[in-house]
Amino acid sequence: MTAPAGTPVFNCVVHVAARDAEGTIHARVVNLAGIEARGRSEREALAQCVAAFKAAVGAATAANQPIAWIEPIPQPGAGETQRLIAVHL
């Protein structure tokens, strides 16, 4: 399945940390500041990150404002895994 022509697509780069002592997964968007999430599963944490990413990018796009991308994208830290997610607005 593909997005309709003209639908903007953005890369959401997320670093996911290993489960902590309480069993929580931590995820953070590393190419746009201020987006972090926690969940009982990686899927839950990623879903929260993507929703916040989509809202932030959508708001900037709708207001005709530049998106404050973080570049270069940092490498994952110890115990983190990088996930690349295509987000359609």
N, C-alpha and C. Protein backbone atom coordinates (compact mmCIF):
# COMPACT_ATOMS: atom_id res chain seq x y z
N MET A 1 0.84 -1.17 0.00
CA MET A 1 0.00 0.00 0.00
C MET A 1 0.89 1.23 0.00
N THR A 2 0.57 2.20 -0.81
CA THR A 2 1.35 3.42 -0.88
C THR A 2 0.49 4.61 -0.52
N ALA A 3 1.15 5.70 -0.17
CA ALA A 3 0.43 6.94 0.16
C ALA A 3 -0.05 7.59 -1.12
N PRO A 4 -1.18 8.31 -1.06
CA PRO A 4 -1.64 9.03 -2.24
C PRO A 4 -0.59 10.05 -2.69
N ALA A 5 -0.58 10.33 -3.99
CA ALA A 5 0.35 11.32 -4.54
C ALA A 5 0.18 12.64 -3.80
N GLY A 6 1.29 13.27 -3.48
CA GLY A 6 1.24 14.55 -2.79
C GLY A 6 1.19 14.46 -1.28
N THR A 7 1.10 13.24 -0.74
CA THR A 7 1.09 13.07 0.72
C THR A 7 2.53 13.17 1.21
N PRO A 8 2.82 14.14 2.09
CA PRO A 8 4.20 14.25 2.59
C PRO A 8 4.57 13.06 3.47
N VAL A 9 5.80 12.60 3.31
CA VAL A 9 6.32 11.48 4.10
C VAL A 9 7.61 11.95 4.77
N PHE A 10 7.72 11.68 6.07
CA PHE A 10 8.88 12.09 6.85
C PHE A 10 9.46 10.89 7.56
N ASN A 11 10.77 10.90 7.75
CA ASN A 11 11.45 9.84 8.49
C ASN A 11 11.48 10.18 9.97
N CYS A 12 10.94 9.30 10.76
CA CYS A 12 10.98 9.41 12.22
C CYS A 12 12.04 8.42 12.69
N VAL A 13 13.12 8.94 13.27
CA VAL A 13 14.21 8.09 13.73
C VAL A 13 14.11 7.97 15.25
N VAL A 14 13.94 6.75 15.71
CA VAL A 14 13.70 6.50 17.13
C VAL A 14 14.77 5.56 17.67
N HIS A 15 15.28 5.88 18.85
CA HIS A 15 16.18 4.97 19.56
C HIS A 15 15.38 4.36 20.70
N VAL A 16 15.39 3.03 20.73
CA VAL A 16 14.63 2.28 21.73
C VAL A 16 15.62 1.62 22.68
N ALA A 17 15.43 1.86 23.97
CA ALA A 17 16.30 1.28 25.00
C ALA A 17 15.76 -0.07 25.44
N ALA A 18 16.64 -0.89 25.95
CA ALA A 18 16.26 -2.19 26.48
C ALA A 18 15.30 -1.99 27.66
N ARG A 19 14.51 -2.99 27.92
CA ARG A 19 13.55 -2.95 29.03
C ARG A 19 14.28 -2.65 30.34
N ASP A 20 13.71 -1.73 31.13
CA ASP A 20 14.35 -1.38 32.41
C ASP A 20 13.90 -2.35 33.51
N ALA A 21 14.35 -2.09 34.74
CA ALA A 21 14.07 -2.98 35.87
C ALA A 21 12.57 -3.11 36.15
N GLU A 22 11.79 -2.08 35.82
CA GLU A 22 10.34 -2.13 36.05
C GLU A 22 9.61 -2.76 34.87
N GLY A 23 10.36 -3.12 33.81
CA GLY A 23 9.73 -3.74 32.65
C GLY A 23 9.24 -2.75 31.61
N THR A 24 9.68 -1.49 31.71
CA THR A 24 9.24 -0.44 30.80
C THR A 24 10.25 -0.26 29.66
N ILE A 25 9.72 -0.03 28.47
CA ILE A 25 10.54 0.27 27.30
C ILE A 25 10.56 1.79 27.13
N HIS A 26 11.74 2.35 26.93
CA HIS A 26 11.89 3.79 26.70
C HIS A 26 12.26 4.01 25.24
N ALA A 27 11.64 5.00 24.61
CA ALA A 27 11.94 5.33 23.22
C ALA A 27 12.04 6.84 23.10
N ARG A 28 12.94 7.29 22.22
CA ARG A 28 13.09 8.74 22.01
C ARG A 28 13.34 9.01 20.54
N VAL A 29 12.67 10.04 20.04
CA VAL A 29 12.89 10.48 18.66
C VAL A 29 14.18 11.26 18.66
N VAL A 30 15.10 10.91 17.76
CA VAL A 30 16.41 11.55 17.78
C VAL A 30 16.63 12.54 16.64
N ASN A 31 15.67 12.65 15.73
CA ASN A 31 15.83 13.65 14.67
C ASN A 31 14.88 14.83 14.83
N LEU A 32 14.16 14.88 15.97
CA LEU A 32 13.29 16.01 16.32
C LEU A 32 13.26 16.08 17.84
N ALA A 33 13.62 17.21 18.40
CA ALA A 33 13.80 17.34 19.85
C ALA A 33 12.49 17.24 20.63
N GLY A 34 12.62 16.72 21.85
CA GLY A 34 11.55 16.78 22.82
C GLY A 34 10.52 15.67 22.77
N ILE A 35 10.75 14.62 22.01
CA ILE A 35 9.76 13.55 21.93
C ILE A 35 10.34 12.28 22.53
N GLU A 36 9.74 11.85 23.63
CA GLU A 36 10.12 10.62 24.30
C GLU A 36 8.85 9.91 24.73
N ALA A 37 8.94 8.60 24.89
CA ALA A 37 7.78 7.83 25.32
C ALA A 37 8.22 6.62 26.11
N ARG A 38 7.29 6.09 26.87
CA ARG A 38 7.50 4.86 27.63
C ARG A 38 6.30 3.96 27.38
N GLY A 39 6.56 2.67 27.39
CA GLY A 39 5.46 1.74 27.19
C GLY A 39 5.77 0.39 27.77
N ARG A 40 4.74 -0.44 27.86
CA ARG A 40 4.91 -1.80 28.35
C ARG A 40 5.52 -2.69 27.27
N SER A 41 5.47 -2.19 26.02
CA SER A 41 6.07 -2.93 24.90
C SER A 41 6.74 -1.92 23.97
N GLU A 42 7.61 -2.42 23.11
CA GLU A 42 8.25 -1.54 22.14
C GLU A 42 7.19 -0.92 21.22
N ARG A 43 6.23 -1.71 20.83
CA ARG A 43 5.16 -1.23 19.95
C ARG A 43 4.41 -0.05 20.59
N GLU A 44 4.10 -0.15 21.85
CA GLU A 44 3.39 0.91 22.56
C GLU A 44 4.23 2.18 22.62
N ALA A 45 5.50 2.04 22.95
CA ALA A 45 6.39 3.21 23.03
C ALA A 45 6.57 3.85 21.65
N LEU A 46 6.74 3.03 20.61
CA LEU A 46 6.90 3.57 19.26
C LEU A 46 5.63 4.27 18.79
N ALA A 47 4.47 3.72 19.10
CA ALA A 47 3.20 4.34 18.70
C ALA A 47 3.07 5.73 19.32
N GLN A 48 3.48 5.88 20.57
CA GLN A 48 3.42 7.19 21.22
C GLN A 48 4.39 8.16 20.56
N CYS A 49 5.58 7.69 20.23
CA CYS A 49 6.57 8.55 19.57
C CYS A 49 6.06 9.01 18.20
N VAL A 50 5.52 8.08 17.44
CA VAL A 50 5.03 8.42 16.10
C VAL A 50 3.88 9.41 16.17
N ALA A 51 2.97 9.23 17.11
CA ALA A 51 1.84 10.16 17.25
C ALA A 51 2.34 11.58 17.57
N ALA A 52 3.29 11.68 18.49
CA ALA A 52 3.83 13.00 18.86
C ALA A 52 4.63 13.60 17.70
N PHE A 53 5.40 12.78 17.00
CA PHE A 53 6.17 13.22 15.83
C PHE A 53 5.23 13.76 14.77
N LYS A 54 4.19 13.01 14.47
CA LYS A 54 3.22 13.41 13.44
C LYS A 54 2.54 14.72 13.81
N ALA A 55 2.19 14.88 15.08
CA ALA A 55 1.56 16.12 15.53
C ALA A 55 2.50 17.31 15.40
N ALA A 56 3.76 17.13 15.80
CA ALA A 56 4.74 18.23 15.74
C ALA A 56 5.05 18.62 14.30
N VAL A 57 5.30 17.63 13.46
CA VAL A 57 5.63 17.92 12.05
C VAL A 57 4.40 18.47 11.34
N GLY A 58 3.23 17.92 11.62
CA GLY A 58 2.00 18.41 11.02
C GLY A 58 1.71 19.86 11.39
N ALA A 59 1.93 20.21 12.65
CA ALA A 59 1.69 21.59 13.10
C ALA A 59 2.65 22.56 12.42
N ALA A 60 3.93 22.18 12.33
CA ALA A 60 4.91 23.04 11.67
C ALA A 60 4.59 23.21 10.19
N THR A 61 4.22 22.11 9.55
CA THR A 61 3.88 22.15 8.13
C THR A 61 2.64 23.01 7.89
N ALA A 62 1.61 22.83 8.71
CA ALA A 62 0.37 23.59 8.56
C ALA A 62 0.60 25.08 8.77
N ALA A 63 1.52 25.43 9.67
CA ALA A 63 1.83 26.84 9.96
C ALA A 63 2.87 27.40 9.00
N ASN A 64 3.30 26.59 8.05
CA ASN A 64 4.32 27.02 7.08
C ASN A 64 5.62 27.40 7.78
N GLN A 65 5.94 26.71 8.86
CA GLN A 65 7.15 26.94 9.63
C GLN A 65 8.19 25.87 9.30
N PRO A 66 9.46 26.20 9.40
CA PRO A 66 10.48 25.17 9.16
C PRO A 66 10.45 24.13 10.29
N ILE A 67 10.80 22.93 9.94
CA ILE A 67 10.86 21.85 10.93
C ILE A 67 12.28 21.83 11.49
N ALA A 68 12.38 21.83 12.80
CA ALA A 68 13.69 21.90 13.47
C ALA A 68 14.33 20.53 13.57
N TRP A 69 14.76 19.99 12.43
CA TRP A 69 15.41 18.68 12.41
C TRP A 69 16.73 18.72 13.17
N ILE A 70 17.07 17.64 13.80
CA ILE A 70 18.37 17.48 14.45
C ILE A 70 19.28 16.76 13.46
N GLU A 71 20.34 17.44 13.10
CA GLU A 71 21.31 16.87 12.17
C GLU A 71 22.70 17.19 12.65
N PRO A 72 23.61 16.28 12.58
CA PRO A 72 23.42 14.90 12.14
C PRO A 72 22.64 14.10 13.18
N ILE A 73 22.06 13.02 12.72
CA ILE A 73 21.29 12.16 13.61
C ILE A 73 22.28 11.39 14.49
N PRO A 74 22.09 11.45 15.81
CA PRO A 74 23.03 10.74 16.70
C PRO A 74 22.92 9.22 16.55
N GLN A 75 24.00 8.56 16.84
CA GLN A 75 24.03 7.09 16.83
C GLN A 75 23.37 6.58 18.11
N PRO A 76 22.83 5.37 18.07
CA PRO A 76 22.23 4.80 19.28
C PRO A 76 23.28 4.65 20.38
N GLY A 77 22.84 4.87 21.61
CA GLY A 77 23.72 4.70 22.76
C GLY A 77 23.80 3.23 23.15
N ALA A 78 24.55 2.96 24.18
CA ALA A 78 24.69 1.59 24.68
C ALA A 78 23.31 1.06 25.07
N GLY A 79 22.97 -0.12 24.60
CA GLY A 79 21.69 -0.73 24.94
C GLY A 79 20.52 -0.22 24.14
N GLU A 80 20.76 0.65 23.14
CA GLU A 80 19.67 1.19 22.32
C GLU A 80 19.70 0.56 20.93
N THR A 81 18.52 0.50 20.33
CA THR A 81 18.36 0.03 18.96
C THR A 81 17.68 1.13 18.17
N GLN A 82 18.14 1.37 16.95
CA GLN A 82 17.55 2.42 16.11
C GLN A 82 16.43 1.84 15.27
N ARG A 83 15.33 2.57 15.21
CA ARG A 83 14.17 2.22 14.37
C ARG A 83 13.91 3.39 13.43
N LEU A 84 13.70 3.10 12.16
CA LEU A 84 13.36 4.11 11.15
C LEU A 84 11.90 3.89 10.75
N ILE A 85 11.10 4.93 10.92
CA ILE A 85 9.67 4.81 10.67
C ILE A 85 9.24 5.89 9.68
N ALA A 86 8.63 5.48 8.57
CA ALA A 86 8.09 6.43 7.60
C ALA A 86 6.74 6.91 8.12
N VAL A 87 6.59 8.23 8.23
CA VAL A 87 5.36 8.81 8.77
C VAL A 87 4.70 9.64 7.68
N HIS A 88 3.46 9.29 7.33
CA HIS A 88 2.69 10.02 6.32
C HIS A 88 1.78 11.01 7.04
N LEU A 89 1.78 12.25 6.59
CA LEU A 89 0.88 13.24 7.19
C LEU A 89 -0.48 13.18 6.53
